C-alpha cells in the first residue's frame, strides 16, 4: 500500500480502527453537479456543505457509507474546473485527482440538465488511464421524463450510465449495486485495542495558518493551503499516530467576527467550525504572531473555554516577526492581559511553514488532556478545602458568613467540583476564583477550565 493510499484510509472520521481497512470510493466531477448532495445522502449526514453556488467543496470530505451489507469510505472532492483563481483551482484539481488515484472505485458525477461539457470530457479522459473502476452518475434526473437527458453522455464511450437524483434518491440504489460490485473483497479487521484517541480541533481566524499546521503535523498535504483567507470550509478529519498514541485532528474553517460573516455559505462554515470544536476534547487556537492576540482570537478562546474544552495556544509565523521584536515574555504578558484565563494555558511559538517548534504541540496536547481528565482524591480535595478556608474564610453575605463543609469531584473533562455547606450557593465570585486558584496551585490542572458548583447542604429530617 502506498503512503498516499494509507493516508487516505486513515482520514476516516469514525473512531473504529477497522475503518482504515475499508475500501475507498471517490466522488469527482465539475462544480455544482451534486457531489456533496450525493455524499450527504450516502453517508446519512450533513457533513458536506451544499449550496447552489459552484465550488462550495474544496478539500476532500470523508464519511462512511453502507449498502447491501458492505461498508466503504466515501470521499467528496472539490469541483474539477478551470478556476478564475488559478492557485485555488490547481489545488482543488490536485486534491480531486489524488482521491481518484488512490480510490478503489471512482464515481464521476455529471449534471444531466447541463449536458456534456468539455470539462466533463477532460476529467473522464484524465481518469481513463487509471486502473480503477469508473462509473458515471448523471445527476439531476428527477423524473422519468428527464432520463433522455443522459443520452448525451454515451459519447464518452461507456456501456452504461446511471441516471440519478441525488436530492430525491432516485436511481441511487442501482448505482450503489454496481459500486459495491466493483470494490475489492476485504477481510474484517479486529481493532488492536490501542490507546484512546484524542480529538483535537485546530481553530482560529482565517489565514493564520491552521491548514499549514495540520499539513505539517500530518506530514503530507491533507488540507489545501493558500494565502487567500477562508480557503478551508468543511471541517477535515485526519488521524495521526504519534509515538504510539492516536490523535484525530480537525482542521476547521476560519472563524470571523460576526458582522463580517456576510454570506450564508460562510456562516455555515463557521457553524461547522464550532460543531467541530464541540466534538473535540482539545482546541488548538492558532494566532498570527505579527498581529498578536486579537479580540476575535480572545472570543474564540473564550468559546472553547466556556464549553469546557482544554486549550493550547499556538503563536504561528513567529519567524516572520522581526528578530529584534521577538520577545516571548512580552507577547505572553499582553495576551494574558487581554484574556486572563490564558495564564494557565500553554502558549507555543512556532512556524508551521518551516516546521520549527511544531513538534512541541504533542507534549502540550498530552499535558492539557491529562489535566482535562484529572481526578482529585476526595480526601486530598477536602484537605485543600479546609486549609483554604482556614487561611481565608468566605466573605460575609448580608451579615451571614457562608460555610463550606466538604467537597467532591463529580466529573472530568473538564474537572468539576461540587462544594457543600450552609448558604454555599451564596459564595461570591472572587472567592470562587480564590478556590479555583488554590486547586490549580495544588494539582496539575494546566490548560483546562474548571467547573465549581456550590450547593447548600441538605437538612436531615428528624
Protein backbone atom coordinates (compact mmCIF):
# COMPACT_ATOMS: atom_id res chain seq x y z
CA UNK A 1 0.00 0.00 0.00
CA UNK A 2 1.43 3.40 -0.97
CA UNK A 3 1.88 6.19 1.56
CA UNK A 4 -0.85 8.27 -0.11
CA UNK A 5 -3.18 5.27 -0.08
CA UNK A 6 -2.56 4.75 3.62
CA UNK A 7 -3.19 8.44 4.35
CA UNK A 8 -6.50 8.37 2.51
CA UNK A 9 -7.73 5.47 4.56
CA UNK A 10 -6.51 6.99 7.82
CA UNK A 11 -8.73 10.02 7.27
CA UNK A 12 -11.84 8.12 8.41
CA UNK A 13 -13.99 10.29 10.64
CA UNK A 14 -15.34 7.44 12.75
CA UNK A 15 -13.32 6.14 15.63
CA UNK A 16 -13.01 2.42 14.90
CA UNK A 17 -9.63 1.16 13.72
CA UNK A 18 -11.20 -1.25 11.22
CA UNK A 19 -12.42 1.71 9.13
CA UNK A 20 -8.85 2.23 7.99
CA UNK A 21 -9.15 -1.05 6.08
CA UNK A 22 -12.41 -0.32 4.28
CA UNK A 23 -12.38 0.18 0.50
CA UNK A 24 -12.50 3.77 -0.77
CA UNK A 25 -14.90 5.34 -3.26
CA UNK A 26 -14.21 8.85 -4.58
CA UNK A 27 -16.85 11.25 -5.91
CA UNK A 28 -15.39 13.57 -8.55
CA UNK A 29 -16.81 15.97 -11.09
CA UNK A 30 -17.29 19.58 -12.08
CA UNK A 31 -18.58 22.12 -9.55
CA UNK A 32 -22.28 22.13 -8.74
CA UNK A 33 -23.07 18.72 -10.20
CA UNK A 34 -24.42 17.47 -6.86
CA UNK A 35 -21.43 15.56 -5.46
CA UNK A 36 -21.93 16.89 -1.95
CA UNK A 37 -25.67 16.21 -2.06
CA UNK A 38 -24.91 12.62 -3.07
CA UNK A 39 -22.24 12.39 -0.35
CA UNK A 40 -24.69 13.51 2.33
CA UNK A 41 -27.33 11.05 1.11
CA UNK A 42 -24.96 8.07 1.04
CA UNK A 43 -23.39 8.83 4.43
CA UNK A 44 -26.70 9.86 6.02
CA UNK A 45 -25.07 13.06 7.27
CA UNK A 46 -24.94 16.76 6.52
CA UNK A 47 -21.16 16.94 6.79
CA UNK A 48 -20.58 18.34 3.31
CA UNK A 49 -21.63 21.90 2.57
CA UNK A 50 -24.36 22.09 -0.08
CA UNK A 51 -25.30 25.26 -1.95
CA UNK A 52 -26.28 26.31 -5.43
CA UNK A 53 -23.08 28.34 -5.68
CA UNK A 54 -20.43 26.43 -7.70
CA UNK A 55 -17.19 25.44 -5.98
CA UNK A 56 -18.53 25.00 -2.46
CA UNK A 57 -16.44 21.91 -1.66
CA UNK A 58 -12.70 22.44 -1.96
CA UNK A 59 -10.98 19.87 0.25
CA UNK A 60 -11.74 16.18 0.42
CA UNK A 61 -14.54 15.31 2.81
CA UNK A 62 -14.78 11.78 4.16
CA UNK A 63 -17.56 9.65 5.60
CA UNK A 64 -18.69 6.04 5.92
CA UNK A 65 -21.38 4.66 3.61
CA UNK A 66 -23.09 1.27 3.61
CA UNK A 67 -25.09 -0.63 1.00
CA UNK A 68 -26.10 -4.27 0.82
CA UNK A 69 -24.20 -5.09 4.00
CA UNK A 70 -20.91 -3.64 2.67
CA UNK A 71 -19.30 -0.58 4.20
CA UNK A 72 -16.88 1.72 2.42
CA UNK A 73 -15.22 5.09 2.87
CA UNK A 74 -16.68 7.80 0.66
CA UNK A 75 -14.66 10.86 -0.37
CA UNK A 76 -16.31 14.04 -1.61
CA UNK A 77 -13.90 16.22 -3.58
CA UNK A 78 -13.78 19.78 -4.83
CA UNK A 79 -15.18 20.68 -8.23
CA UNK A 80 -12.84 19.95 -11.14
CA UNK A 81 -12.72 23.23 -13.06
CA UNK A 82 -10.63 25.93 -14.65
CA UNK A 83 -10.98 28.35 -11.75
CA UNK A 84 -10.60 32.10 -12.13
CA UNK A 85 -8.31 31.86 -9.14
CA UNK A 86 -5.56 29.71 -10.62
CA UNK A 87 -3.91 28.89 -7.29
CA UNK A 88 -7.06 27.52 -5.66
CA UNK A 89 -8.13 25.89 -8.96
CA UNK A 90 -4.90 23.91 -9.26
CA UNK A 91 -5.03 22.86 -5.60
CA UNK A 92 -8.65 21.68 -5.85
CA UNK A 93 -7.96 19.70 -9.04
CA UNK A 94 -4.92 18.14 -7.40
CA UNK A 95 -6.95 17.03 -4.38
CA UNK A 96 -9.67 15.56 -6.62
CA UNK A 97 -7.21 13.64 -8.80
CA UNK A 98 -5.31 12.39 -5.72
CA UNK A 99 -8.53 10.99 -4.29
CA UNK A 100 -9.34 9.28 -7.59
CA UNK A 101 -5.85 7.83 -7.96
CA UNK A 102 -5.93 6.24 -4.51
CA UNK A 103 -9.57 5.10 -4.51
CA UNK A 104 -10.75 1.57 -5.23
CA UNK A 105 -13.61 2.91 -7.37
CA UNK A 106 -14.47 6.32 -8.80
CA UNK A 107 -17.89 7.84 -9.41
CA UNK A 108 -17.87 10.80 -11.81
CA UNK A 109 -20.93 12.93 -11.06
CA UNK A 110 -22.16 14.97 -14.03
CA UNK A 111 -25.04 17.40 -14.46
CA UNK A 112 -27.68 15.80 -16.66
CA UNK A 113 -29.52 19.07 -17.20
CA UNK A 114 -26.39 20.95 -18.25
CA UNK A 115 -25.30 18.25 -20.68
CA UNK A 116 -21.79 17.00 -21.51
CA UNK A 117 -19.17 19.73 -21.20
CA UNK A 118 -15.56 19.97 -22.27
CA UNK A 119 -14.55 19.74 -18.60
CA UNK A 120 -16.55 16.51 -18.18
CA UNK A 121 -14.71 15.09 -21.17
CA UNK A 122 -11.33 16.29 -19.89
CA UNK A 123 -11.91 14.76 -16.47
CA UNK A 124 -13.07 11.47 -17.94
CA UNK A 125 -10.03 11.34 -20.24
CA UNK A 126 -7.71 12.05 -17.33
CA UNK A 127 -9.22 9.28 -15.21
CA UNK A 128 -9.48 6.79 -18.08
CA UNK A 129 -5.79 5.96 -17.72
CA UNK A 130 -6.23 4.94 -14.09
CA UNK A 131 -6.64 1.26 -13.38
CA UNK A 132 -9.80 1.93 -11.39
CA UNK A 133 -13.45 1.02 -11.96
CA UNK A 134 -15.07 4.29 -13.06
CA UNK A 135 -18.83 4.86 -13.10
CA UNK A 136 -20.62 7.93 -14.42
CA UNK A 137 -23.66 9.11 -12.44
CA UNK A 138 -25.83 11.51 -14.46
CA UNK A 139 -27.37 13.61 -11.70
CA UNK A 140 -30.44 15.86 -11.56
CA UNK A 141 -32.60 13.34 -13.43
CA UNK A 142 -35.50 14.00 -11.08
CA UNK A 143 -38.30 12.39 -13.11
CA UNK A 144 -38.63 9.68 -15.76
CA UNK A 145 -39.17 12.28 -18.46
CA UNK A 146 -35.70 13.67 -17.76
CA UNK A 147 -33.94 10.35 -18.45
CA UNK A 148 -33.40 11.26 -22.10
CA UNK A 149 -31.03 13.97 -20.89
CA UNK A 150 -28.50 11.27 -20.02
CA UNK A 151 -28.13 10.12 -23.62
CA UNK A 152 -25.63 12.89 -24.38
CA UNK A 153 -23.09 11.27 -22.06
CA UNK A 154 -22.90 8.00 -24.02
CA UNK A 155 -20.43 9.83 -26.26
CA UNK A 156 -17.88 9.19 -23.50
CA UNK A 157 -17.79 5.62 -24.81
CA UNK A 158 -19.49 3.95 -21.83
CA UNK A 159 -21.69 0.91 -21.99
CA UNK A 160 -23.76 2.02 -19.00
CA UNK A 161 -24.73 5.28 -17.38
CA UNK A 162 -26.51 5.78 -14.07
CA UNK A 163 -29.28 8.39 -14.22
CA UNK A 164 -29.88 9.51 -10.63
CA UNK A 165 -31.38 12.22 -8.49
CA UNK A 166 -29.06 12.74 -5.52
CA UNK A 167 -31.60 15.10 -4.00
CA UNK A 168 -34.53 12.68 -4.14
CA UNK A 169 -32.65 9.35 -4.10
CA UNK A 170 -33.92 8.13 -7.49
CA UNK A 171 -31.60 5.61 -9.16
CA UNK A 172 -29.10 5.71 -6.30
CA UNK A 173 -29.58 2.06 -5.29
CA UNK A 174 -28.79 0.87 -8.82
CA UNK A 175 -25.61 2.95 -8.79
CA UNK A 176 -24.59 1.56 -5.40
CA UNK A 177 -25.22 -2.04 -6.51
CA UNK A 178 -22.52 -1.67 -9.17
CA UNK A 179 -20.23 0.37 -6.93
CA UNK A 180 -20.27 -2.46 -4.40
CA UNK A 181 -19.70 -4.97 -7.18
CA UNK A 182 -16.59 -3.07 -8.28
CA UNK A 183 -14.97 -2.97 -4.84
CA UNK A 184 -12.35 -5.50 -3.74
CA UNK A 185 -13.26 -8.01 -1.10
CA UNK A 186 -11.89 -7.09 2.32
CA UNK A 187 -11.40 -9.10 5.46
CA UNK A 188 -12.75 -7.85 8.74
CA UNK A 189 -10.02 -6.45 10.93
CA UNK A 190 -10.34 -6.50 14.68
CA UNK A 191 -9.37 -3.30 16.47
CA UNK A 192 -6.00 -3.59 18.18
CA UNK A 193 -7.33 -2.09 21.38
CA UNK A 194 -4.62 0.58 21.47
CA UNK A 195 -4.69 3.82 23.40
CA UNK A 196 -7.66 6.12 23.45
CA UNK A 197 -7.81 8.58 20.57
CA UNK A 198 -7.62 12.28 21.41
CA UNK A 199 -9.76 14.60 19.29
CA UNK A 200 -8.07 17.95 18.64
CA UNK A 201 -9.77 20.84 16.80
CA UNK A 202 -7.47 23.31 15.04
CA UNK A 203 -9.29 26.62 15.46
CA UNK A 204 -8.70 30.29 14.80
CA UNK A 205 -9.34 33.20 12.49
CA UNK A 206 -8.92 32.88 8.70
CA UNK A 207 -5.42 32.84 7.25
CA UNK A 208 -3.50 32.33 10.48
CA UNK A 209 -2.00 29.03 9.29
CA UNK A 210 -4.41 26.36 10.57
CA UNK A 211 -4.24 24.25 7.41
CA UNK A 212 -0.46 24.64 7.16
CA UNK A 213 -0.19 23.40 10.74
CA UNK A 214 -2.47 20.43 10.02
CA UNK A 215 -0.39 19.51 6.98
CA UNK A 216 2.83 19.83 8.95
CA UNK A 217 1.51 17.60 11.76
CA UNK A 218 0.12 15.06 9.29
CA UNK A 219 3.32 15.02 7.25
CA UNK A 220 1.54 15.48 3.91
CA UNK A 221 -0.78 17.86 2.08
CA UNK A 222 -4.03 16.99 3.85
CA UNK A 223 -5.58 20.46 3.51
CA UNK A 224 -5.47 22.97 0.70
CA UNK A 225 -3.18 25.83 1.68
CA UNK A 226 -3.16 29.25 0.01
CA UNK A 227 -2.66 32.82 1.18
CA UNK A 228 -6.34 33.53 0.50
CA UNK A 229 -8.44 33.84 3.69
CA UNK A 230 -11.29 31.36 4.00
CA UNK A 231 -9.84 28.58 1.82
CA UNK A 232 -10.95 25.83 4.24
CA UNK A 233 -14.72 25.47 4.56
CA UNK A 234 -15.54 21.95 5.66
CA UNK A 235 -14.07 20.57 8.89
CA UNK A 236 -11.46 17.98 7.88
CA UNK A 237 -10.59 14.92 9.97
CA UNK A 238 -7.10 13.43 9.94
CA UNK A 239 -5.99 10.51 12.10
CA UNK A 240 -2.35 10.73 13.18
CA UNK A 241 -0.31 8.17 15.07
CA UNK A 242 2.45 9.85 17.06
CA UNK A 243 4.73 7.71 19.19
CA UNK A 244 2.06 5.08 19.69
CA UNK A 245 -0.78 7.49 20.50
CA UNK A 246 -3.63 8.34 18.16
CA UNK A 247 -4.88 11.86 17.56
CA UNK A 248 -7.85 12.94 15.47
CA UNK A 249 -7.03 16.39 14.07
CA UNK A 250 -9.89 18.52 12.79
CA UNK A 251 -8.87 21.49 10.62
CA UNK A 252 -11.75 23.96 10.62
CA UNK A 253 -12.87 26.99 8.68
CA UNK A 254 -11.60 30.33 9.90
CA UNK A 255 -13.97 31.98 12.37
CA UNK A 256 -14.54 35.63 11.51
CA UNK A 257 -16.13 38.27 13.68
CA UNK A 258 -19.91 38.02 13.28
CA UNK A 259 -20.51 41.36 11.46
CA UNK A 260 -18.02 40.22 8.83
CA UNK A 261 -19.76 36.90 8.19
CA UNK A 262 -21.99 38.09 5.39
CA UNK A 263 -22.54 35.16 3.05
CA UNK A 264 -24.84 32.30 4.00
CA UNK A 265 -22.15 29.84 2.91
CA UNK A 266 -19.53 31.31 5.20
CA UNK A 267 -21.98 31.37 8.10
CA UNK A 268 -22.49 27.65 7.54
CA UNK A 269 -18.72 27.13 7.58
CA UNK A 270 -18.43 28.95 10.90
CA UNK A 271 -21.24 26.86 12.40
CA UNK A 272 -19.41 23.71 11.31
CA UNK A 273 -16.20 25.00 12.86
CA UNK A 274 -17.97 25.43 16.20
CA UNK A 275 -19.56 21.98 15.86
CA UNK A 276 -16.12 20.51 15.20
CA UNK A 277 -14.93 22.09 18.44
CA UNK A 278 -17.93 20.60 20.25
CA UNK A 279 -16.83 17.06 19.36
CA UNK A 280 -13.18 17.67 20.23
CA UNK A 281 -11.56 17.43 23.65
CA UNK A 282 -8.82 19.96 22.91
CA UNK A 283 -8.86 23.19 20.97
CA UNK A 284 -5.56 24.32 19.45
CA UNK A 285 -6.02 28.03 18.89
CA UNK A 286 -3.74 29.30 16.13
CA UNK A 287 -2.96 33.02 16.15
CA UNK A 288 -0.81 35.19 13.91
CA UNK A 289 2.39 36.30 15.65
CA UNK A 290 2.58 39.53 13.67
CA UNK A 291 -0.95 40.54 14.68
CA UNK A 292 -0.82 39.37 18.28
CA UNK A 293 -3.86 38.14 20.18
CA UNK A 294 -6.82 39.97 18.64
CA UNK A 295 -10.28 40.49 20.10
CA UNK A 296 -11.58 37.73 17.81
CA UNK A 297 -8.83 35.35 18.99
CA UNK A 298 -9.93 36.04 22.56
CA UNK A 299 -13.57 35.36 21.63
CA UNK A 300 -12.67 32.02 20.07
CA UNK A 301 -10.57 31.09 23.11
CA UNK A 302 -13.49 32.06 25.33
CA UNK A 303 -15.86 29.95 23.27
CA UNK A 304 -13.66 26.87 23.72
CA UNK A 305 -13.08 27.60 27.41
CA UNK A 306 -16.75 28.23 28.23
CA UNK A 307 -17.68 24.91 26.63
CA UNK A 308 -15.24 23.00 28.77
CA UNK A 309 -12.57 22.30 26.18
CA UNK A 310 -8.90 22.04 27.05
CA UNK A 311 -6.86 24.66 25.24
CA UNK A 312 -3.42 25.15 23.71
CA UNK A 313 -2.41 28.41 22.02
CA UNK A 314 -0.09 28.29 19.02
CA UNK A 315 1.60 31.56 18.05
CA UNK A 316 2.26 30.83 14.38
CA UNK A 317 4.52 32.68 11.94
CA UNK A 318 6.91 33.57 14.75
CA UNK A 319 9.74 33.52 12.21
CA UNK A 320 8.03 36.38 10.35
CA UNK A 321 8.38 38.71 13.33
CA UNK A 322 11.42 40.97 13.17
CA UNK A 323 14.26 39.41 15.12
CA UNK A 324 14.58 42.39 17.44
CA UNK A 325 10.88 42.21 18.32
CA UNK A 326 10.68 38.51 19.25
CA UNK A 327 10.02 39.00 22.95
CA UNK A 328 8.06 35.94 24.07
CA UNK A 329 7.59 37.14 27.63
CA UNK A 330 6.12 40.45 26.48
CA UNK A 331 3.86 38.65 24.00
CA UNK A 332 2.55 36.29 26.69
CA UNK A 333 2.00 39.11 29.19
CA UNK A 334 0.00 41.14 26.68
CA UNK A 335 -2.08 38.11 25.69
CA UNK A 336 -2.86 37.23 29.31
CA UNK A 337 -3.88 40.81 29.99
CA UNK A 338 -6.46 40.56 27.19
CA UNK A 339 -7.68 37.07 28.15
CA UNK A 340 -6.70 36.31 31.78
CA UNK A 341 -7.57 32.61 31.51
CA UNK A 342 -4.61 32.20 29.15
CA UNK A 343 -2.37 32.42 32.21
CA UNK A 344 -2.93 28.67 32.71
CA UNK A 345 -2.86 27.76 29.00
CA UNK A 346 0.33 26.52 27.27
CA UNK A 347 1.45 29.04 24.64
CA UNK A 348 3.80 27.75 21.95
CA UNK A 349 5.80 29.77 19.43
CA UNK A 350 6.45 28.17 16.07
CA UNK A 351 6.39 28.30 12.28
CA UNK A 352 4.05 25.86 10.52
CA UNK A 353 5.70 26.86 7.23
CA UNK A 354 9.20 25.75 8.23
CA UNK A 355 8.18 23.24 10.89
CA UNK A 356 10.27 24.88 13.59
CA UNK A 357 8.75 24.26 17.02
CA UNK A 358 5.80 22.24 15.69
CA UNK A 359 6.79 19.03 17.49
CA UNK A 360 6.15 20.75 20.83
CA UNK A 361 2.41 20.55 20.15
CA UNK A 362 2.20 16.85 21.00
CA UNK A 363 3.58 17.27 24.53
CA UNK A 364 1.36 20.31 25.14
CA UNK A 365 -1.77 18.49 23.95
CA UNK A 366 -0.92 15.48 26.13
CA UNK A 367 -0.38 17.76 29.13
CA UNK A 368 -3.74 19.52 28.85
CA UNK A 369 -5.53 16.22 28.16
CA UNK A 370 -4.11 14.76 31.38
CA UNK A 371 -5.34 17.84 33.21
CA UNK A 372 -8.72 17.67 31.48
CA UNK A 373 -9.16 14.08 32.66
CA UNK A 374 -7.54 14.54 36.07
CA UNK A 375 -9.37 13.29 39.14
CA UNK A 376 -8.57 14.52 42.64
CA UNK A 377 -8.92 12.08 45.54
CA UNK A 378 -11.77 13.17 47.82
CA UNK A 379 -9.51 13.17 50.88
CA UNK A 380 -6.96 15.41 49.14
CA UNK A 381 -9.70 17.74 47.93
CA UNK A 382 -11.16 18.19 51.40
CA UNK A 383 -7.75 18.76 52.97
CA UNK A 384 -7.25 21.54 50.43
CA UNK A 385 -10.69 22.99 51.20
CA UNK A 386 -10.07 23.01 54.96
CA UNK A 387 -6.70 24.69 54.50
CA UNK A 388 -8.13 27.28 52.07
CA UNK A 389 -11.00 28.18 54.42
CA UNK A 390 -8.65 28.38 57.39
CA UNK A 391 -6.38 30.81 55.55
CA UNK A 392 -9.21 32.86 54.07
CA UNK A 393 -12.84 32.38 55.09
CA UNK A 394 -15.67 33.19 52.65
CA UNK A 395 -16.80 36.84 52.88
CA UNK A 396 -19.98 37.78 54.72
CA UNK A 397 -23.23 37.97 52.73
CA UNK A 398 -25.93 40.16 54.36
CA UNK A 399 -24.47 39.66 57.80
CA UNK A 400 -24.08 35.91 57.43
CA UNK A 401 -20.91 34.04 56.53
CA UNK A 402 -21.36 31.02 54.23
CA UNK A 403 -19.71 27.84 55.50
CA UNK A 404 -18.08 25.28 53.23
CA UNK A 405 -18.07 21.87 54.87
CA UNK A 406 -16.89 19.38 52.26
CA UNK A 407 -16.36 18.90 48.53
CA UNK A 408 -16.25 16.15 45.96
CA UNK A 409 -15.26 15.88 42.31
CA UNK A 410 -18.23 14.76 40.26
CA UNK A 411 -16.83 14.73 36.72
CA UNK A 412 -13.79 15.10 34.49
CA UNK A 413 -13.35 16.67 31.04
CA UNK A 414 -13.49 19.27 32.42
CA UNK A 415 -12.81 18.66 36.11
CA UNK A 416 -15.99 19.50 38.02
CA UNK A 417 -16.12 20.05 41.78
CA UNK A 418 -19.18 20.38 43.99
CA UNK A 419 -18.83 22.24 47.32
CA UNK A 420 -21.43 21.69 50.05
CA UNK A 421 -22.19 23.84 53.06
CA UNK A 422 -24.60 26.27 54.68
CA UNK A 423 -25.53 29.08 52.28
CA UNK A 424 -22.86 27.70 49.92
CA UNK A 425 -24.78 28.93 46.90
CA UNK A 426 -24.08 32.49 48.08
CA UNK A 427 -20.30 32.18 47.76
CA UNK A 428 -19.04 35.28 45.95
CA UNK A 429 -17.33 35.23 42.55
CA UNK A 430 -13.99 36.47 43.96
CA UNK A 431 -13.98 33.65 46.48
CA UNK A 432 -14.80 31.15 43.73
CA UNK A 433 -11.73 32.43 41.87
CA UNK A 434 -9.71 32.04 45.06
CA UNK A 435 -10.70 28.38 45.31
CA UNK A 436 -10.01 27.84 41.62
CA UNK A 437 -6.50 29.22 42.05
CA UNK A 438 -5.92 27.01 45.08
CA UNK A 439 -6.94 23.96 43.04
CA UNK A 440 -4.57 24.91 40.24
CA UNK A 441 -1.72 25.51 42.68
CA UNK A 442 -2.20 22.13 44.30
CA UNK A 443 -2.92 19.89 41.31
CA UNK A 444 -1.70 19.60 37.67
CA UNK A 445 -4.65 21.38 36.07
CA UNK A 446 -2.92 23.35 33.31
CA UNK A 447 -4.80 24.22 30.13
CA UNK A 448 -8.23 23.06 31.26
CA UNK A 449 -11.21 25.01 32.56
CA UNK A 450 -12.59 24.03 35.96
CA UNK A 451 -16.24 23.84 36.96
CA UNK A 452 -17.06 24.80 40.56
CA UNK A 453 -20.61 24.20 41.79
CA UNK A 454 -21.86 25.33 45.22
CA UNK A 455 -24.82 23.68 46.92
CA UNK A 456 -26.49 24.10 50.29
CA UNK A 457 -26.16 21.03 52.49
CA UNK A 458 -29.47 19.21 52.72
CA UNK A 459 -31.06 19.23 56.18
CA UNK A 460 -31.61 15.78 57.62
CA UNK A 461 -35.12 15.05 58.75
CA UNK A 462 -35.53 14.38 62.44
